[in-house]
PDB file of N, CA and C in Angstrom:
ATOM      1  N   MET A   1      29.374  27.337   9.220  1.00  0.00           N
ATOM      2  CA  MET A   1      28.643  27.421   7.951  1.00  0.00           C
ATOM      3  C   MET A   1      28.601  28.570   7.667  1.00  0.00           C
ATOM      4  N   ASP A   2      28.940  29.323   6.285  1.00  0.00           N
ATOM      5  CA  ASP A   2      28.351  30.686   5.938  1.00  0.00           C
ATOM      6  C   ASP A   2      27.064  30.726   5.395  1.00  0.00           C
ATOM      7  N   VAL A   3      26.524  31.687   4.978  1.00  0.00           N
ATOM      8  CA  VAL A   3      25.187  31.805   4.304  1.00  0.00           C
ATOM      9  C   VAL A   3      25.126  31.090   3.041  1.00  0.00           C
ATOM     10  N   SER A   4      25.919  31.071   2.119  1.00  0.00           N
ATOM     11  CA  SER A   4      25.770  30.840   0.914  1.00  0.00           C
ATOM     12  C   SER A   4      25.930  29.012   0.771  1.00  0.00           C
ATOM     13  N   GLU A   5      26.947  28.787   2.005  1.00  0.00           N
ATOM     14  CA  GLU A   5      26.951  27.004   2.040  1.00  0.00           C
ATOM     15  C   GLU A   5      25.808  26.829   2.715  1.00  0.00           C
ATOM     16  N   SER A   6      24.829  27.134   3.214  1.00  0.00           N
ATOM     17  CA  SER A   6      23.892  27.105   3.899  1.00  0.00           C
ATOM     18  C   SER A   6      22.766  26.845   2.787  1.00  0.00           C
ATOM     19  N   SER A   7      22.493  27.909   1.900  1.00  0.00           N
ATOM     20  CA  SER A   7      21.469  27.906   1.039  1.00  0.00           C
ATOM     21  C   SER A   7      22.155  26.868  -0.099  1.00  0.00           C
ATOM     22  N   ALA A   8      23.238  26.759  -0.297  1.00  0.00           N
ATOM     23  CA  ALA A   8      23.348  25.398  -0.972  1.00  0.00           C
ATOM     24  C   ALA A   8      23.045  24.239  -0.454  1.00  0.00           C
ATOM     25  N   ASN A   9      22.918  24.091   0.543  1.00  0.00           N
ATOM     26  CA  ASN A   9      22.454  22.929   1.158  1.00  0.00           C
ATOM     27  C   ASN A   9      21.013  22.688   0.925  1.00  0.00           C
ATOM     28  N   GLU A  10      20.554  23.681   1.146  1.00  0.00           N
ATOM     29  CA  GLU A  10      18.709  23.685   1.202  1.00  0.00           C
ATOM     30  C   GLU A  10      18.443  23.710  -0.102  1.00  0.00           C
ATOM     31  N   ARG A  11      19.337  24.022  -1.361  1.00  0.00           N
ATOM     32  CA  ARG A  11      18.974  23.769  -2.490  1.00  0.00           C
ATOM     33  C   ARG A  11      18.945  22.451  -2.774  1.00  0.00           C
ATOM     34  N   SER A  12      20.181  21.895  -2.425  1.00  0.00           N
ATOM     35  CA  SER A  12      20.219  20.163  -2.487  1.00  0.00           C
ATOM     36  C   SER A  12      19.263  19.619  -1.964  1.00  0.00           C
ATOM     37  N   ALA A  13      18.829  19.958  -0.634  1.00  0.00           N
ATOM     38  CA  ALA A  13      17.595  19.140  -0.029  1.00  0.00           C
ATOM     39  C   ALA A  13      16.417  19.173  -0.957  1.00  0.00           C
ATOM     40  N   LEU A  14      16.203  20.334  -1.654  1.00  0.00           N
ATOM     41  CA  LEU A  14      14.948  20.599  -2.355  1.00  0.00           C
ATOM     42  C   LEU A  14      14.988  19.735  -3.619  1.00  0.00           C
ATOM     43  N   ALA A  15      16.302  19.749  -4.375  1.00  0.00           N
ATOM     44  CA  ALA A  15      16.391  19.372  -5.508  1.00  0.00           C
ATOM     45  C   ALA A  15      16.247  17.385  -5.052  1.00  0.00           C
ATOM     46  N   GLU A  16      16.971  16.963  -4.146  1.00  0.00           N
ATOM     47  CA  GLU A  16      16.651  15.690  -3.668  1.00  0.00           C
ATOM     48  C   GLU A  16      15.025  15.284  -3.350  1.00  0.00           C
ATOM     49  N   ARG A  17      14.451  16.221  -2.978  1.00  0.00           N
ATOM     50  CA  ARG A  17      12.625  15.924  -2.666  1.00  0.00           C
ATOM     51  C   ARG A  17      12.095  15.874  -3.716  1.00  0.00           C
ATOM     52  N   ARG A  18      12.473  17.032  -4.933  1.00  0.00           N
ATOM     53  CA  ARG A  18      11.856  16.949  -6.352  1.00  0.00           C
ATOM     54  C   ARG A  18      12.042  15.530  -6.921  1.00  0.00           C
ATOM     55  N   GLN A  19      13.425  14.960  -7.028  1.00  0.00           N
ATOM     56  CA  GLN A  19      13.729  13.695  -7.545  1.00  0.00           C
ATOM     57  C   GLN A  19      13.059  12.448  -7.402  1.00  0.00           C
ATOM     58  N   ASP A  20      12.365  12.601  -6.060  1.00  0.00           N
ATOM     59  CA  ASP A  20      11.618  11.362  -5.448  1.00  0.00           C
ATOM     60  C   ASP A  20      10.290  11.405  -6.017  1.00  0.00           C
ATOM     61  N   SER A  21      10.321  10.552  -7.078  1.00  0.00           N
ATOM     62  CA  SER A  21       9.029  10.433  -7.845  1.00  0.00           C
ATOM     63  C   SER A  21       8.008   9.412  -7.423  1.00  0.00           C
ATOM     64  N   ARG A  22       8.349   8.882  -6.276  1.00  0.00           N
ATOM     65  CA  ARG A  22       7.512   7.880  -5.943  1.00  0.00           C
ATOM     66  C   ARG A  22       6.288   8.351  -5.264  1.00  0.00           C
ATOM     67  N   PRO A  23       5.098   7.391  -5.235  1.00  0.00           N
ATOM     68  CA  PRO A  23       3.750   8.094  -4.911  1.00  0.00           C
ATOM     69  C   PRO A  23       3.899   8.137  -3.494  1.00  0.00           C
ATOM     70  N   LEU A  24       2.761   9.260  -2.890  1.00  0.00           N
ATOM     71  CA  LEU A  24       2.678   9.061  -1.570  1.00  0.00           C
ATOM     72  C   LEU A  24       2.407   8.082  -0.952  1.00  0.00           C
ATOM     73  N   LEU A  25       2.717   8.044   0.252  1.00  0.00           N
ATOM     74  CA  LEU A  25       1.799   6.666   0.989  1.00  0.00           C
ATOM     75  C   LEU A  25       0.918   7.078   1.886  1.00  0.00           C
ATOM     76  N   SER A  26       0.007   6.042   1.707  1.00  0.00           N
ATOM     77  CA  SER A  26      -1.662   6.558   2.644  1.00  0.00           C
ATOM     78  C   SER A  26      -1.205   6.474   4.037  1.00  0.00           C
ATOM     79  N   SER A  27      -2.563   6.643   4.823  1.00  0.00           N
ATOM     80  CA  SER A  27      -2.451   6.191   6.017  1.00  0.00           C
ATOM     81  C   SER A  27      -2.453   4.915   6.461  1.00  0.00           C
ATOM     82  N   ARG A  28      -3.255   4.113   5.394  1.00  0.00           N
ATOM     83  CA  ARG A  28      -3.375   2.461   5.484  1.00  0.00           C
ATOM     84  C   ARG A  28      -1.644   1.983   5.153  1.00  0.00           C
ATOM     85  N   ALA A  29      -1.251   2.474   3.861  1.00  0.00           N
ATOM     86  CA  ALA A  29       0.193   1.923   3.964  1.00  0.00           C
ATOM     87  C   ALA A  29       1.157   2.119   5.040  1.00  0.00           C
ATOM     88  N   VAL A  30       0.901   3.330   5.755  1.00  0.00           N
ATOM     89  CA  VAL A  30       2.192   3.878   6.704  1.00  0.00           C
ATOM     90  C   VAL A  30       1.905   2.699   7.909  1.00  0.00           C
ATOM     91  N   CYS A  31       0.525   2.572   8.088  1.00  0.00           N
ATOM     92  CA  CYS A  31      -0.030   1.691   9.190  1.00  0.00           C
ATOM     93  C   CYS A  31       0.466   0.139   9.054  1.00  0.00           C
ATOM     94  N   GLU A  32       0.371  -0.560   7.443  1.00  0.00           N
ATOM     95  CA  GLU A  32       0.920  -1.535   7.346  1.00  0.00           C
ATOM     96  C   GLU A  32       2.447  -1.620   7.419  1.00  0.00           C
ATOM     97  N   HIS A  33       2.944  -0.463   6.862  1.00  0.00           N
ATOM     98  CA  HIS A  33       4.388  -0.776   6.956  1.00  0.00           C
ATOM     99  C   HIS A  33       5.109  -1.052   8.308  1.00  0.00           C
ATOM    100  N   PHE A  34       4.364  -0.241   9.416  1.00  0.00           N
ATOM    101  CA  PHE A  34       4.852  -0.530  10.778  1.00  0.00           C
ATOM    102  C   PHE A  34       4.392  -1.552  11.611  1.00  0.00           C
ATOM    103  N   GLY A  35       3.019  -1.995  11.094  1.00  0.00           N
ATOM    104  CA  GLY A  35       2.411  -2.961  11.913  1.00  0.00           C
ATOM    105  C   GLY A  35       1.712  -2.424  12.810  1.00  0.00           C
ATOM    106  N   ILE A  36       1.041  -1.304  12.672  1.00  0.00           N
ATOM    107  CA  ILE A  36       0.298  -0.835  13.684  1.00  0.00           C
ATOM    108  C   ILE A  36      -1.285  -0.333  13.225  1.00  0.00           C
ATOM    109  N   VAL A  37      -2.180  -0.073  14.224  1.00  0.00           N
ATOM    110  CA  VAL A  37      -3.591   0.273  13.762  1.00  0.00           C
ATOM    111  C   VAL A  37      -3.339   1.970  13.667  1.00  0.00           C
ATOM    112  N   PRO A  38      -4.872   2.578  12.824  1.00  0.00           N
ATOM    113  CA  PRO A  38      -4.883   3.999  12.622  1.00  0.00           C
ATOM    114  C   PRO A  38      -4.706   4.601  13.994  1.00  0.00           C
ATOM    115  N   ARG A  39      -5.287   4.010  15.375  1.00  0.00           N
ATOM    116  CA  ARG A  39      -5.223   5.062  16.204  1.00  0.00           C
ATOM    117  C   ARG A  39      -3.338   5.393  16.640  1.00  0.00           C
ATOM    118  N   THR A  40      -3.027   4.394  16.703  1.00  0.00           N
ATOM    119  CA  THR A  40      -1.603   4.263  16.854  1.00  0.00           C
ATOM    120  C   THR A  40      -0.826   5.573  15.844  1.00  0.00           C
ATOM    121  N   LEU A  41      -1.122   5.409  14.884  1.00  0.00           N
ATOM    122  CA  LEU A  41      -0.543   6.682  13.615  1.00  0.00           C
ATOM    123  C   LEU A  41      -1.148   7.858  14.428  1.00  0.00           C
ATOM    124  N   HIS A  42      -2.105   8.084  14.672  1.00  0.00           N
ATOM    125  CA  HIS A  42      -2.701   9.394  15.134  1.00  0.00           C
ATOM    126  C   HIS A  42      -2.208   9.593  16.243  1.00  0.00           C
ATOM    127  N   ARG A  43      -1.856   8.752  17.279  1.00  0.00           N
ATOM    128  CA  ARG A  43      -0.980   9.257  18.348  1.00  0.00           C
ATOM    129  C   ARG A  43       0.430   9.588  18.016  1.00  0.00           C
ATOM    130  N   TRP A  44       1.323   8.924  17.067  1.00  0.00           N
ATOM    131  CA  TRP A  44       2.520   9.208  16.634  1.00  0.00           C
ATOM    132  C   TRP A  44       2.599  10.823  16.197  1.00  0.00           C
ATOM    133  N   VAL A  45       1.750  10.996  15.234  1.00  0.00           N
ATOM    134  CA  VAL A  45       1.646  12.374  14.482  1.00  0.00           C
ATOM    135  C   VAL A  45       1.226  13.435  15.795  1.00  0.00           C
ATOM    136  N   ALA A  46       0.715  12.844  16.618  1.00  0.00           N
ATOM    137  CA  ALA A  46       0.319  14.008  17.942  1.00  0.00           C
ATOM    138  C   ALA A  46       1.254  14.199  18.701  1.00  0.00           C
ATOM    139  N   ASP A  47       2.409  13.069  18.883  1.00  0.00           N
ATOM    140  CA  ASP A  47       3.451  13.196  19.793  1.00  0.00           C
ATOM    141  C   ASP A  47       4.705  13.917  19.195  1.00  0.00           C
ATOM    142  N   ARG A  48       4.855  14.844  19.638  1.00  0.00           N
ATOM    143  CA  ARG A  48       5.828  16.042  19.497  1.00  0.00           C
ATOM    144  C   ARG A  48       7.287  15.421  19.515  1.00  0.00           C
ATOM    145  N   GLU A  49       7.562  14.655  21.068  1.00  0.00           N
ATOM    146  CA  GLU A  49       8.797  14.056  21.101  1.00  0.00           C
ATOM    147  C   GLU A  49       9.290  12.979  20.203  1.00  0.00           C
ATOM    148  N   LEU A  50       8.115  12.328  19.474  1.00  0.00           N
ATOM    149  CA  LEU A  50       8.400  11.099  18.854  1.00  0.00           C
ATOM    150  C   LEU A  50       9.168  11.659  17.458  1.00  0.00           C
ATOM    151  N   ALA A  51       9.057  12.997  17.123  1.00  0.00           N
ATOM    152  CA  ALA A  51       9.068  13.424  15.808  1.00  0.00           C
ATOM    153  C   ALA A  51       8.518  12.910  14.416  1.00  0.00           C
ATOM    154  N   PHE A  52       7.214  12.034  14.457  1.00  0.00           N
ATOM    155  CA  PHE A  52       7.140  11.367  13.591  1.00  0.00           C
ATOM    156  C   PHE A  52       6.755  12.375  12.439  1.00  0.00           C
ATOM    157  N   PRO A  53       6.864  12.015  11.127  1.00  0.00           N
ATOM    158  CA  PRO A  53       6.286  13.152  10.378  1.00  0.00           C
ATOM    159  C   PRO A  53       5.339  13.668   9.800  1.00  0.00           C
ATOM    160  N   LYS A  54       4.942  14.976   9.853  1.00  0.00           N
ATOM    161  CA  LYS A  54       3.552  15.635   9.729  1.00  0.00           C
ATOM    162  C   LYS A  54       3.135  15.179   8.637  1.00  0.00           C
ATOM    163  N   PRO A  55       1.907  14.701   8.066  1.00  0.00           N
ATOM    164  CA  PRO A  55       1.251  14.471   6.879  1.00  0.00           C
ATOM    165  C   PRO A  55       0.865  15.356   6.080  1.00  0.00           C
ATOM    166  N   LEU A  56       0.917  15.295   4.858  1.00  0.00           N
ATOM    167  CA  LEU A  56       0.343  15.958   3.841  1.00  0.00           C
ATOM    168  C   LEU A  56      -1.040  15.765   3.933  1.00  0.00           C
ATOM    169  N   ILE A  57      -1.921  16.620   3.791  1.00  0.00           N
ATOM    170  CA  ILE A  57      -3.464  16.711   3.557  1.00  0.00           C
ATOM    171  C   ILE A  57      -4.146  17.049   2.128  1.00  0.00           C
ATOM    172  N   VAL A  58      -4.462  15.964   1.645  1.00  0.00           N
ATOM    173  CA  VAL A  58      -5.185  15.897   0.086  1.00  0.00           C
ATOM    174  C   VAL A  58      -6.407  15.576   0.467  1.00  0.00           C
ATOM    175  N   LYS A  59      -7.558  16.269   0.076  1.00  0.00           N
ATOM    176  CA  LYS A  59      -8.718  16.276   0.002  1.00  0.00           C
ATOM    177  C   LYS A  59      -9.350  15.222   1.620  1.00  0.00           C
ATOM    178  N   ARG A  60      -8.810  15.879   2.552  1.00  0.00           N
ATOM    179  CA  ARG A  60      -9.043  15.718   3.785  1.00  0.00           C
ATOM    180  C   ARG A  60      -8.656  14.187   4.222  1.00  0.00           C
ATOM    181  N   ARG A  61      -7.708  13.587   3.585  1.00  0.00           N
ATOM    182  CA  ARG A  61      -6.690  12.277   3.568  1.00  0.00           C
ATOM    183  C   ARG A  61      -5.247  12.746   3.845  1.00  0.00           C
ATOM    184  N   GLN A  62      -4.738  11.979   4.831  1.00  0.00           N
ATOM    185  CA  GLN A  62      -3.228  11.964   5.030  1.00  0.00           C
ATOM    186  C   GLN A  62      -2.591  11.226   4.299  1.00  0.00           C
ATOM    187  N   TYR A  63      -1.284  11.863   3.688  1.00  0.00           N
ATOM    188  CA  TYR A  63      -0.436  11.028   3.141  1.00  0.00           C
ATOM    189  C   TYR A  63       0.996  11.367   3.672  1.00  0.00           C
ATOM    190  N   TRP A  64       1.788  10.426   3.412  1.00  0.00           N
ATOM    191  CA  TRP A  64       3.295  10.907   3.745  1.00  0.00           C
ATOM    192  C   TRP A  64       4.132  10.600   2.516  1.00  0.00           C
ATOM    193  N   ARG A  65       5.367  11.269   2.471  1.00  0.00           N
ATOM    194  CA  ARG A  65       6.627  11.189   1.544  1.00  0.00           C
ATOM    195  C   ARG A  65       7.313   9.917   1.659  1.00  0.00           C
ATOM    196  N   PRO A  66       7.453   8.805   1.385  1.00  0.00           N
ATOM    197  CA  PRO A  66       8.371   7.722   1.686  1.00  0.00           C
ATOM    198  C   PRO A  66       9.669   8.118   2.084  1.00  0.00           C
ATOM    199  N   ARG A  67      10.338   9.159   1.649  1.00  0.00           N
ATOM    200  CA  ARG A  67      11.450   9.596   1.927  1.00  0.00           C
ATOM    201  C   ARG A  67      11.652  10.081   3.554  1.00  0.00           C
ATOM    202  N   GLU A  68      10.405  10.711   3.975  1.00  0.00           N
ATOM    203  CA  GLU A  68      10.248  11.259   5.267  1.00  0.00           C
ATOM    204  C   GLU A  68       9.984  10.023   6.149  1.00  0.00           C
ATOM    205  N   ILE A  69       9.021   8.920   5.679  1.00  0.00           N
ATOM    206  CA  ILE A  69       9.131   7.691   6.451  1.00  0.00           C
ATOM    207  C   ILE A  69      10.446   7.045   6.538  1.00  0.00           C
ATOM    208  N   GLU A  70      10.987   6.795   5.775  1.00  0.00           N
ATOM    209  CA  GLU A  70      12.371   6.156   6.014  1.00  0.00           C
ATOM    210  C   GLU A  70      13.434   6.783   6.657  1.00  0.00           C
ATOM    211  N   ASP A  71      13.367   8.153   6.476  1.00  0.00           N
ATOM    212  CA  ASP A  71      14.381   9.065   7.408  1.00  0.00           C
ATOM    213  C   ASP A  71      13.815   9.103   8.948  1.00  0.00           C
ATOM    214  N   PHE A  72      12.672   8.756   9.317  1.00  0.00           N
ATOM    215  CA  PHE A  72      12.130   8.470  10.498  1.00  0.00           C
ATOM    216  C   PHE A  72      12.611   7.217  11.218  1.00  0.00           C
ATOM    217  N   GLU A  73      12.604   6.223  10.166  1.00  0.00           N
ATOM    218  CA  GLU A  73      12.752   4.914  10.685  1.00  0.00           C
ATOM    219  C   GLU A  73      14.219   4.666  10.730  1.00  0.00           C
ATOM    220  N   LEU A  74      15.222   5.620   9.988  1.00  0.00           N
ATOM    221  CA  LEU A  74      16.597   5.239  10.483  1.00  0.00           C
ATOM    222  C   LEU A  74      16.822   6.032  11.532  1.00  0.00           C
ATOM    223  N   THR A  75      16.228   7.399  11.783  1.00  0.00           N
ATOM    224  CA  THR A  75      16.464   8.079  13.395  1.00  0.00           C
ATOM    225  C   THR A  75      16.081   6.955  14.359  1.00  0.00           C
ATOM    226  N   ARG A  76      15.026   6.274  14.302  1.00  0.00           N
ATOM    227  CA  ARG A  76      14.656   5.681  15.220  1.00  0.00           C
ATOM    228  C   ARG A  76      15.480   4.295  15.599  1.00  0.00           C
ATOM    229  N   LYS A  77      16.037   3.718  14.418  1.00  0.00           N
ATOM    230  CA  LYS A  77      17.139   2.683  14.600  1.00  0.00           C
ATOM    231  C   LYS A  77      18.264   3.341  15.377  1.00  0.00           C
ATOM    232  N   ASP A  78      18.579   4.477  14.630  1.00  0.00           N
ATOM    233  CA  ASP A  78      19.757   4.855  15.394  1.00  0.00           C
ATOM    234  C   ASP A  78      19.767   5.623  16.735  1.00  0.00           C
ATOM    235  N   ASN A  79      18.727   5.836  17.514  1.00  0.00           N
ATOM    236  CA  ASN A  79      18.337   5.979  18.724  1.00  0.00           C
ATOM    237  C   ASN A  79      18.256   4.851  19.644  1.00  0.00           C
ATOM    238  N   SER A  80      17.517   3.608  18.776  1.00  0.00           N
ATOM    239  CA  SER A  80      17.421   2.447  19.952  1.00  0.00           C
ATOM    240  C   SER A  80      19.117   1.972  19.908  1.00  0.00           C
ATOM    241  N   LYS A  81      19.920   2.209  19.125  1.00  0.00           N
ATOM    242  CA  LYS A  81      21.378   1.446  18.834  1.00  0.00           C
ATOM    243  C   LYS A  81      22.126   2.238  20.354  1.00  0.00           C
ATOM    244  N   HIS A  82      21.774   3.513  20.268  1.00  0.00           N
ATOM    245  CA  HIS A  82      22.326   4.516  21.185  1.00  0.00           C
ATOM    246  C   HIS A  82      21.793   4.135  22.746  1.00  0.00           C
ATOM    247  N   ALA A  83      20.264   3.817  22.785  1.00  0.00           N
ATOM    248  CA  ALA A  83      19.857   3.633  24.006  1.00  0.00           C
ATOM    249  C   ALA A  83      20.218   2.277  25.047  1.00  0.00           C
ATOM    250  N   ALA A  84      20.631   1.198  23.768  1.00  0.00           N
ATOM    251  CA  ALA A  84      21.254  -0.124  24.042  1.00  0.00           C
ATOM    252  C   ALA A  84      22.482   0.066  24.542  1.00  0.00           C
ATOM    253  N   ALA A  85      23.325   0.731  24.485  1.00  0.00           N
ATOM    254  CA  ALA A  85      24.544   1.054  24.363  1.00  0.00           C
ATOM    255  C   ALA A  85      24.986   1.587  25.909  1.00  0.00           C
TER     256      ALA A  85
END
């Protein structure tokens, strides 16, 4: 992949993020989505191996982009399929 192709991919990724106009997910919403408690969410964020998306901090509160949560879920499902095989 050459430099121009790499920057084209980066621009595409940025454009995709800008198009996602869905509201950010609060800690509570993320916990409800995964069926976990806030302490588990805190552990997931701190676990580098898990690669859980880092939150955005707004006025000392944590929020996540819906797309990043969806990508994490897909990655986890893919990893669990490979582990089972």
